Structure formats: structure tokens, C-alpha cells
Amino acid sequence: MIFKAFVVASLACASFAAPATDSADAPRCNVSSAIIETVGSTLPAPEYTPSFVGLGVGTQNYTCAASGTYTNVGALAEIFDISCLYGQPGFDDLTSVISLLWNAAPPVVTPSEIIAFGEKYDLSFVLGEHYFVVNPVTGSGLNPKWDFTSHAFAGNPDAYVVGSKVDDVPAVTGASDIDWLYLKNLTGSLANEIYRIETRGGQPPASCTPGSNNITVKYTSLYWFTGGEF
């Protein structure tokens, strides 16, 4: 219990320290003039201005293929508002610092528990959830979804975006970190573009035994959202 509280407190401190308020009414810092730093990668420049920047804390999910290697089958993460930390000392180190805490947490501590503990103190630092859904256009395959309908814009059914990957590059930070991504809107009104950068962790072991259980690998990242109607 003490460790859980410590993790939540650390995340809360890394987020905008505001008086407790409902997420939908929370003041958020304007990041429209922010620069999405993709130096060292070949990800394309944004076509729209930034709307939100979130800290993702969660897991990448894998299944063992017949070839004896892991295949990604989605992700589950909570997204925390860090817009008011942009340009402040320590912003560039957020994913590294939180990754250390997240990886030190016992397996019983889940992203959902982090968000539940955080809500006891302040709803405003929670943006929403990230998970995968069946492609809403083709009806087959999985696509990533960022869903703010229960927190940042509670009750607004349009506050989500399902993304379609346009580009991915190896993480600038090293081979142990999952790729950096650039995605465009497939459906939803939350954003026109999504960037996953400054990733930490998330990569599976190099090999596995076919038929073995699925695994989850902890990761953190920055998620930038541009454009949209919010």
C-alpha cells in the first residue's frame, strides 16, 4: 500500500499541481506553440498545432508466435496530463523517472490502480486511457485508441481518436525501448495526429517457447496530440 501511494504521489507531482477538480472542468496549459521534439528520428513534422501532451504509463502486450518470437497484440496505458510541465526543468526526463518507478513497482500494481489512487487526490491530472480496438473502418485487425471520454472530457462521446500508423522508427533512446510512432486520425474528434516519442521500455524478450502464455511489458512514453476539436 505504501509503495502504491508513493507511485501515485510521484505521478501527481509530475503532473500539474492544481486544486482538486473534475477532469472536465480542469484548467489545462496551452501547448499550441510547443515543439514536438523528434530530433534524431525521421518522423514527419506535424501538420497541425499541438493540443495535448500526455505521459503514458502502462504495458505493451505480446503473444508468442509459432516462430518462437513475440508479436505485439496491443497495449494498455493510462494517460496523464503534463501540459503544464512543458518547458520546465525535468520535462525531458519524465519518461525516464517514471519508468524507474513503474518498473520497481510490484506486479500487482496496475495502471488502473494508479489512476484509481490518483483520482482520490485530483481528477484533473488524468486525461484518459489508451488501448486497442478492432479497426472501426475495416472491421478486422487492431488499431490503437486514445479515449478521453471518461476523464478529461467525461460524457463527451467524441473525445477519442483511433489512430492509423503512418510511420515508425527505432527509439532514439535505445534498442530496449519501443519504437517512436506517428499516426493519423482514423476516427474520432480528439486529434488529427498522434506522436509516441521518448519511449522507455516495452520491448519483449528476444525469443519465446511457442504455446507459452502471453506477457505484458511495462513502458512509459510521451504522447503528443495535434489538431482535433478540443
C-alpha atoms as a PDB file:
ATOM      1  CA  MET A   1       0.000   0.000   0.000  1.00  0.00           C
ATOM      2  CA  ILE A   2       2.820   2.413   0.861  1.00  0.00           C
ATOM      3  CA  PHE A   3       4.554   1.713  -2.446  1.00  0.00           C
ATOM      4  CA  LYS A   4       1.329   2.276  -4.371  1.00  0.00           C
ATOM      5  CA  ALA A   5       0.835   5.607  -2.668  1.00  0.00           C
ATOM      6  CA  PHE A   6       4.433   6.548  -3.451  1.00  0.00           C
ATOM      7  CA  VAL A   7       3.977   5.785  -7.145  1.00  0.00           C
ATOM      8  CA  VAL A   8       0.783   7.805  -7.301  1.00  0.00           C
ATOM      9  CA  ALA A   9       2.314  10.715  -5.426  1.00  0.00           C
ATOM     10  CA  SER A  10       5.245  10.739  -7.823  1.00  0.00           C
ATOM     11  CA  LEU A  11       2.924  10.796 -10.825  1.00  0.00           C
ATOM     12  CA  ALA A  12       0.823  13.501  -9.266  1.00  0.00           C
ATOM     13  CA  CYS A  13       3.885  15.641  -8.623  1.00  0.00           C
ATOM     14  CA  ALA A  14       4.921  15.110 -12.225  1.00  0.00           C
ATOM     15  CA  SER A  15       1.556  16.439 -13.291  1.00  0.00           C
ATOM     16  CA  PHE A  16       0.017  19.864 -12.931  1.00  0.00           C
ATOM     17  CA  ALA A  17      -0.476  20.601  -9.250  1.00  0.00           C
ATOM     18  CA  ALA A  18      -3.919  22.185  -9.224  1.00  0.00           C
ATOM     19  CA  PRO A  19      -6.765  22.250  -6.686  1.00  0.00           C
ATOM     20  CA  ALA A  20      -8.892  19.127  -6.832  1.00  0.00           C
ATOM     21  CA  THR A  21     -11.477  19.409  -9.577  1.00  0.00           C
ATOM     22  CA  ASP A  22     -13.384  17.322 -12.055  1.00  0.00           C
ATOM     23  CA  SER A  23     -11.367  16.497 -15.153  1.00  0.00           C
ATOM     24  CA  ALA A  24     -13.899  18.085 -17.491  1.00  0.00           C
ATOM     25  CA  ASP A  25     -13.544  21.411 -15.660  1.00  0.00           C
ATOM     26  CA  ALA A  26      -9.787  21.274 -15.185  1.00  0.00           C
ATOM     27  CA  PRO A  27      -7.611  24.163 -16.346  1.00  0.00           C
ATOM     28  CA  ARG A  28      -5.052  22.907 -18.837  1.00  0.00           C
ATOM     29  CA  CYS A  29      -1.961  24.671 -20.077  1.00  0.00           C
ATOM     30  CA  ASN A  30      -1.910  25.764 -23.702  1.00  0.00           C
ATOM     31  CA  VAL A  31       0.685  23.818 -25.699  1.00  0.00           C
ATOM     32  CA  SER A  32      -0.268  25.114 -29.145  1.00  0.00           C
ATOM     33  CA  SER A  33       3.149  26.769 -29.525  1.00  0.00           C
ATOM     34  CA  ALA A  34       5.076  23.752 -28.203  1.00  0.00           C
ATOM     35  CA  ILE A  35       7.658  21.998 -30.343  1.00  0.00           C
ATOM     36  CA  ILE A  36       7.363  18.226 -30.631  1.00  0.00           C
ATOM     37  CA  GLU A  37      10.985  17.137 -30.342  1.00  0.00           C
ATOM     38  CA  THR A  38      11.733  14.303 -32.752  1.00  0.00           C
ATOM     39  CA  VAL A  39      15.397  15.165 -33.254  1.00  0.00           C
ATOM     40  CA  GLY A  40      17.406  12.096 -34.214  1.00  0.00           C
ATOM     41  CA  SER A  41      14.427  10.417 -35.853  1.00  0.00           C
ATOM     42  CA  THR A  42      12.864  10.643 -39.293  1.00  0.00           C
ATOM     43  CA  LEU A  43       9.287  11.090 -38.100  1.00  0.00           C
ATOM     44  CA  PRO A  44       7.451  13.719 -40.158  1.00  0.00           C
ATOM     45  CA  ALA A  45       6.788  17.196 -38.829  1.00  0.00           C
ATOM     46  CA  PRO A  46       3.253  17.835 -37.558  1.00  0.00           C
ATOM     47  CA  GLU A  47       0.671  19.305 -39.904  1.00  0.00           C
ATOM     48  CA  TYR A  48      -1.370  20.720 -37.009  1.00  0.00           C
ATOM     49  CA  THR A  49      -0.559  22.561 -33.790  1.00  0.00           C
ATOM     50  CA  PRO A  50      -0.254  20.559 -30.556  1.00  0.00           C
ATOM     51  CA  SER A  51      -3.393  20.238 -28.431  1.00  0.00           C
ATOM     52  CA  PHE A  52      -2.343  17.917 -25.599  1.00  0.00           C
ATOM     53  CA  VAL A  53       0.764  16.238 -24.266  1.00  0.00           C
ATOM     54  CA  GLY A  54       0.327  13.205 -22.054  1.00  0.00           C
ATOM     55  CA  LEU A  55       2.528  10.859 -20.074  1.00  0.00           C
ATOM     56  CA  GLY A  56       1.640   7.262 -20.865  1.00  0.00           C
ATOM     57  CA  VAL A  57       2.184   4.638 -18.149  1.00  0.00           C
ATOM     58  CA  GLY A  58       1.227   1.094 -18.980  1.00  0.00           C
ATOM     59  CA  THR A  59       2.098  -2.168 -20.689  1.00  0.00           C
ATOM     60  CA  GLN A  60       2.785  -3.472 -24.156  1.00  0.00           C
ATOM     61  CA  ASN A  61       1.136  -6.858 -24.649  1.00  0.00           C
ATOM     62  CA  TYR A  62       2.679  -9.777 -26.529  1.00  0.00           C
ATOM     63  CA  THR A  63       1.864 -13.299 -27.658  1.00  0.00           C
ATOM     64  CA  CYS A  64       4.379 -15.979 -28.612  1.00  0.00           C
ATOM     65  CA  ALA A  65       4.218 -16.806 -32.317  1.00  0.00           C
ATOM     66  CA  ALA A  66       4.937 -20.213 -33.844  1.00  0.00           C
ATOM     67  CA  SER A  67       8.292 -18.831 -34.969  1.00  0.00           C
ATOM     68  CA  GLY A  68       9.408 -18.537 -31.349  1.00  0.00           C
ATOM     69  CA  THR A  69       9.352 -14.749 -31.240  1.00  0.00           C
ATOM     70  CA  TYR A  70       6.928 -12.368 -29.581  1.00  0.00           C
ATOM     71  CA  THR A  71       4.279 -10.496 -31.566  1.00  0.00           C
ATOM     72  CA  ASN A  72       2.641  -7.339 -30.255  1.00  0.00           C
ATOM     73  CA  VAL A  73      -1.100  -7.712 -29.653  1.00  0.00           C
ATOM     74  CA  GLY A  74      -1.861  -4.284 -28.229  1.00  0.00           C
ATOM     75  CA  ALA A  75      -1.246  -2.090 -25.232  1.00  0.00           C
ATOM     76  CA  LEU A  76      -2.984  -0.756 -22.150  1.00  0.00           C
ATOM     77  CA  ALA A  77      -1.973   2.535 -20.578  1.00  0.00           C
ATOM     78  CA  GLU A  78      -3.215   5.461 -18.557  1.00  0.00           C
ATOM     79  CA  ILE A  79      -2.539   8.934 -19.933  1.00  0.00           C
ATOM     80  CA  PHE A  80      -1.694  11.753 -17.516  1.00  0.00           C
ATOM     81  CA  ASP A  81      -1.784  15.464 -18.338  1.00  0.00           C
ATOM     82  CA  ILE A  82       1.699  17.015 -18.285  1.00  0.00           C
ATOM     83  CA  SER A  83       0.937  20.080 -20.398  1.00  0.00           C
ATOM     84  CA  CYS A  84       1.871  22.469 -17.596  1.00  0.00           C
ATOM     85  CA  LEU A  85       5.302  20.890 -17.280  1.00  0.00           C
ATOM     86  CA  TYR A  86       6.252  21.609 -20.884  1.00  0.00           C
ATOM     87  CA  GLY A  87       9.282  23.886 -20.949  1.00  0.00           C
ATOM     88  CA  GLN A  88      10.018  23.307 -17.266  1.00  0.00           C
ATOM     89  CA  PRO A  89      13.171  21.703 -15.832  1.00  0.00           C
ATOM     90  CA  GLY A  90      12.776  17.952 -15.727  1.00  0.00           C
ATOM     91  CA  PHE A  91      10.254  17.676 -18.558  1.00  0.00           C
ATOM     92  CA  ASP A  92      12.744  15.851 -20.773  1.00  0.00           C
ATOM     93  CA  ASP A  93      13.424  13.316 -18.017  1.00  0.00           C
ATOM     94  CA  LEU A  94       9.816  12.477 -17.158  1.00  0.00           C
ATOM     95  CA  THR A  95       9.552   9.176 -19.003  1.00  0.00           C
ATOM     96  CA  SER A  96      12.877   8.002 -17.563  1.00  0.00           C
ATOM     97  CA  VAL A  97      11.998   8.917 -13.972  1.00  0.00           C
ATOM     98  CA  ILE A  98       8.510   7.440 -14.095  1.00  0.00           C
ATOM     99  CA  SER A  99       9.843   4.353 -15.878  1.00  0.00           C
ATOM    100  CA  LEU A 100      12.160   3.660 -12.951  1.00  0.00           C
ATOM    101  CA  LEU A 101       9.255   3.891 -10.515  1.00  0.00           C
ATOM    102  CA  TRP A 102       6.938   1.870 -12.728  1.00  0.00           C
ATOM    103  CA  ASN A 103       9.447  -0.940 -13.202  1.00  0.00           C
ATOM    104  CA  ALA A 104      10.188  -1.029  -9.476  1.00  0.00           C
ATOM    105  CA  ALA A 105       6.504  -1.445  -8.647  1.00  0.00           C
ATOM    106  CA  PRO A 106       5.301  -4.939  -7.722  1.00  0.00           C
ATOM    107  CA  PRO A 107       3.437  -6.846 -10.469  1.00  0.00           C
ATOM    108  CA  VAL A 108       0.174  -6.388  -8.551  1.00  0.00           C
ATOM    109  CA  VAL A 109       0.272  -2.629  -9.211  1.00  0.00           C
ATOM    110  CA  THR A 110      -1.560  -1.951 -12.474  1.00  0.00           C
ATOM    111  CA  PRO A 111      -2.074   1.246 -14.489  1.00  0.00           C
ATOM    112  CA  SER A 112      -5.732   1.133 -13.478  1.00  0.00           C
ATOM    113  CA  GLU A 113      -4.778   1.149  -9.804  1.00  0.00           C
ATOM    114  CA  ILE A 114      -2.533   4.142 -10.356  1.00  0.00           C
ATOM    115  CA  ILE A 115      -5.388   6.098 -11.845  1.00  0.00           C
ATOM    116  CA  ALA A 116      -7.786   4.992  -9.099  1.00  0.00           C
ATOM    117  CA  PHE A 117      -5.431   6.185  -6.378  1.00  0.00           C
ATOM    118  CA  GLY A 118      -4.759   9.426  -8.210  1.00  0.00           C
ATOM    119  CA  GLU A 119      -8.453  10.201  -8.508  1.00  0.00           C
ATOM    120  CA  LYS A 120      -8.703  10.326  -4.728  1.00  0.00           C
ATOM    121  CA  TYR A 121      -6.488  13.402  -4.791  1.00  0.00           C
ATOM    122  CA  ASP A 122      -7.190  15.167  -8.063  1.00  0.00           C
ATOM    123  CA  LEU A 123      -9.139  14.096 -11.119  1.00  0.00           C
ATOM    124  CA  SER A 124      -7.661  16.834 -13.270  1.00  0.00           C
ATOM    125  CA  PHE A 125      -4.310  15.217 -13.995  1.00  0.00           C
ATOM    126  CA  VAL A 126      -5.951  12.234 -15.698  1.00  0.00           C
ATOM    127  CA  LEU A 127      -6.558  12.592 -19.433  1.00  0.00           C
ATOM    128  CA  GLY A 128      -7.782   9.106 -20.260  1.00  0.00           C
ATOM    129  CA  GLU A 129      -6.904   5.609 -21.372  1.00  0.00           C
ATOM    130  CA  HIS A 130      -5.031   4.047 -24.264  1.00  0.00           C
ATOM    131  CA  TYR A 131      -5.968   0.607 -25.557  1.00  0.00           C
ATOM    132  CA  PHE A 132      -6.600  -1.250 -28.813  1.00  0.00           C
ATOM    133  CA  VAL A 133      -9.883  -1.843 -30.643  1.00  0.00           C
ATOM    134  CA  VAL A 134     -11.000  -3.640 -33.783  1.00  0.00           C
ATOM    135  CA  ASN A 135     -10.454  -1.345 -36.772  1.00  0.00           C
ATOM    136  CA  PRO A 136     -13.758   0.582 -36.975  1.00  0.00           C
ATOM    137  CA  VAL A 137     -13.440   1.089 -40.732  1.00  0.00           C
ATOM    138  CA  THR A 138     -12.466  -2.366 -41.997  1.00  0.00           C
ATOM    139  CA  GLY A 139     -13.868  -4.456 -39.143  1.00  0.00           C
ATOM    140  CA  SER A 140     -10.670  -6.503 -38.929  1.00  0.00           C
ATOM    141  CA  GLY A 141      -7.308  -6.079 -37.267  1.00  0.00           C
ATOM    142  CA  LEU A 142      -6.498  -3.916 -34.257  1.00  0.00           C
ATOM    143  CA  ASN A 143      -5.827  -0.191 -34.058  1.00  0.00           C
ATOM    144  CA  PRO A 144      -4.760   1.992 -31.130  1.00  0.00           C
ATOM    145  CA  LYS A 145      -7.349   4.178 -29.421  1.00  0.00           C
ATOM    146  CA  TRP A 146      -6.899   7.092 -27.034  1.00  0.00           C
ATOM    147  CA  ASP A 147     -10.077   7.558 -25.048  1.00  0.00           C
ATOM    148  CA  PHE A 148     -10.706  10.726 -23.012  1.00  0.00           C
ATOM    149  CA  THR A 149     -14.486  10.195 -22.726  1.00  0.00           C
ATOM    150  CA  SER A 150     -14.371   9.131 -19.067  1.00  0.00           C
ATOM    151  CA  HIS A 151     -11.935  11.676 -17.674  1.00  0.00           C
ATOM    152  CA  ALA A 152     -10.681  14.801 -19.446  1.00  0.00           C
ATOM    153  CA  PHE A 153     -13.957  15.172 -21.355  1.00  0.00           C
ATOM    154  CA  ALA A 154     -16.232  12.955 -19.308  1.00  0.00           C
ATOM    155  CA  GLY A 155     -19.518  12.260 -21.035  1.00  0.00           C
ATOM    156  CA  ASN A 156     -18.447  13.585 -24.436  1.00  0.00           C
ATOM    157  CA  PRO A 157     -18.670  10.617 -26.827  1.00  0.00           C
ATOM    158  CA  ASP A 158     -16.449  12.305 -29.425  1.00  0.00           C
ATOM    159  CA  ALA A 159     -13.445  12.760 -27.125  1.00  0.00           C
ATOM    160  CA  TYR A 160     -11.390   9.933 -28.571  1.00  0.00           C
ATOM    161  CA  VAL A 161      -9.188   9.140 -31.521  1.00  0.00           C
ATOM    162  CA  VAL A 162      -8.467   5.827 -33.217  1.00  0.00           C
ATOM    163  CA  GLY A 163      -5.134   6.083 -34.978  1.00  0.00           C
ATOM    164  CA  SER A 164      -3.691   4.619 -38.145  1.00  0.00           C
ATOM    165  CA  LYS A 165       0.090   4.250 -38.166  1.00  0.00           C
ATOM    166  CA  VAL A 166       1.878   6.243 -40.834  1.00  0.00           C
ATOM    167  CA  ASP A 167       5.487   5.905 -39.719  1.00  0.00           C
ATOM    168  CA  ASP A 168       7.576   4.209 -37.044  1.00  0.00           C
ATOM    169  CA  VAL A 169      11.274   4.444 -36.295  1.00  0.00           C
ATOM    170  CA  PRO A 170      13.555   2.759 -33.770  1.00  0.00           C
ATOM    171  CA  ALA A 171      13.638   4.657 -30.497  1.00  0.00           C
ATOM    172  CA  VAL A 172      16.428   7.201 -30.403  1.00  0.00           C
ATOM    173  CA  THR A 173      16.975   6.240 -26.769  1.00  0.00           C
ATOM    174  CA  GLY A 174      17.996   2.630 -27.441  1.00  0.00           C
ATOM    175  CA  ALA A 175      17.002  -0.876 -28.516  1.00  0.00           C
ATOM    176  CA  SER A 176      15.305  -1.685 -25.190  1.00  0.00           C
ATOM    177  CA  ASP A 177      12.691   0.998 -25.855  1.00  0.00           C
ATOM    178  CA  ILE A 178       9.698   0.552 -28.167  1.00  0.00           C
ATOM    179  CA  ASP A 179       9.585   2.409 -31.461  1.00  0.00           C
ATOM    180  CA  TRP A 180       8.594   6.028 -31.852  1.00  0.00           C
ATOM    181  CA  LEU A 181       5.402   6.385 -33.876  1.00  0.00           C
ATOM    182  CA  TYR A 182       3.497   8.875 -35.990  1.00  0.00           C
ATOM    183  CA  LEU A 183      -0.198   8.172 -36.552  1.00  0.00           C
ATOM    184  CA  LYS A 184      -3.089   9.940 -38.208  1.00  0.00           C
ATOM    185  CA  ASN A 185      -6.758  10.052 -37.312  1.00  0.00           C
ATOM    186  CA  LEU A 186      -8.888   7.137 -38.473  1.00  0.00           C
ATOM    187  CA  THR A 187     -11.990   8.063 -36.471  1.00  0.00           C
ATOM    188  CA  GLY A 188     -12.855  10.334 -33.540  1.00  0.00           C
ATOM    189  CA  SER A 189     -12.544  14.059 -32.854  1.00  0.00           C
ATOM    190  CA  LEU A 190      -9.796  14.186 -30.226  1.00  0.00           C
ATOM    191  CA  ALA A 191      -6.833  14.704 -32.558  1.00  0.00           C
ATOM    192  CA  ASN A 192      -5.685  14.730 -36.163  1.00  0.00           C
ATOM    193  CA  GLU A 193      -2.232  13.335 -35.409  1.00  0.00           C
ATOM    194  CA  ILE A 194      -0.627  11.359 -32.601  1.00  0.00           C
ATOM    195  CA  TYR A 195       3.060  11.040 -31.781  1.00  0.00           C
ATOM    196  CA  ARG A 196       4.530   8.431 -29.452  1.00  0.00           C
ATOM    197  CA  ILE A 197       8.034   9.550 -28.548  1.00  0.00           C
ATOM    198  CA  GLU A 198      10.521   9.442 -25.661  1.00  0.00           C
ATOM    199  CA  THR A 199       9.607   5.833 -25.007  1.00  0.00           C
ATOM    200  CA  ARG A 200      11.143   3.809 -22.202  1.00  0.00           C
ATOM    201  CA  GLY A 201      10.872   0.031 -22.027  1.00  0.00           C
ATOM    202  CA  GLY A 202       8.135  -2.032 -23.626  1.00  0.00           C
ATOM    203  CA  GLN A 203      10.299  -4.409 -25.652  1.00  0.00           C
ATOM    204  CA  PRO A 204       9.758  -8.180 -25.217  1.00  0.00           C
ATOM    205  CA  PRO A 205      12.464 -10.831 -24.775  1.00  0.00           C
ATOM    206  CA  ALA A 206      14.181 -11.872 -28.000  1.00  0.00           C
ATOM    207  CA  SER A 207      12.635 -15.355 -28.058  1.00  0.00           C
ATOM    208  CA  CYS A 208       9.902 -17.484 -26.522  1.00  0.00           C
ATOM    209  CA  THR A 209       8.535 -21.014 -26.462  1.00  0.00           C
ATOM    210  CA  PRO A 210       5.551 -21.431 -28.817  1.00  0.00           C
ATOM    211  CA  GLY A 211       2.417 -22.044 -26.793  1.00  0.00           C
ATOM    212  CA  SER A 212       3.653 -20.139 -23.757  1.00  0.00           C
ATOM    213  CA  ASN A 213       1.440 -17.605 -22.024  1.00  0.00           C
ATOM    214  CA  ASN A 214       1.029 -14.052 -23.231  1.00  0.00           C
ATOM    215  CA  ILE A 215       3.179 -11.479 -21.480  1.00  0.00           C
ATOM    216  CA  THR A 216       2.973  -7.791 -20.617  1.00  0.00           C
ATOM    217  CA  VAL A 217       5.997  -5.489 -20.613  1.00  0.00           C
ATOM    218  CA  LYS A 218       5.922  -2.180 -18.771  1.00  0.00           C
ATOM    219  CA  TYR A 219       6.603   1.032 -20.664  1.00  0.00           C
ATOM    220  CA  THR A 220       6.296   4.796 -20.445  1.00  0.00           C
ATOM    221  CA  SER A 221       6.152   7.358 -23.226  1.00  0.00           C
ATOM    222  CA  LEU A 222       5.142  10.843 -24.230  1.00  0.00           C
ATOM    223  CA  TYR A 223       2.011  11.099 -26.342  1.00  0.00           C
ATOM    224  CA  TRP A 224       1.506  14.291 -28.309  1.00  0.00           C
ATOM    225  CA  PHE A 225      -1.880  15.025 -29.831  1.00  0.00           C
ATOM    226  CA  THR A 226      -2.308  17.680 -32.523  1.00  0.00           C
ATOM    227  CA  GLY A 227      -5.350  19.312 -34.075  1.00  0.00           C
ATOM    228  CA  GLY A 228      -8.710  17.864 -33.152  1.00  0.00           C
ATOM    229  CA  GLU A 229     -11.827  19.633 -31.932  1.00  0.00           C
ATOM    230  CA  PHE A 230     -10.960  20.023 -28.261  1.00  0.00           C
END
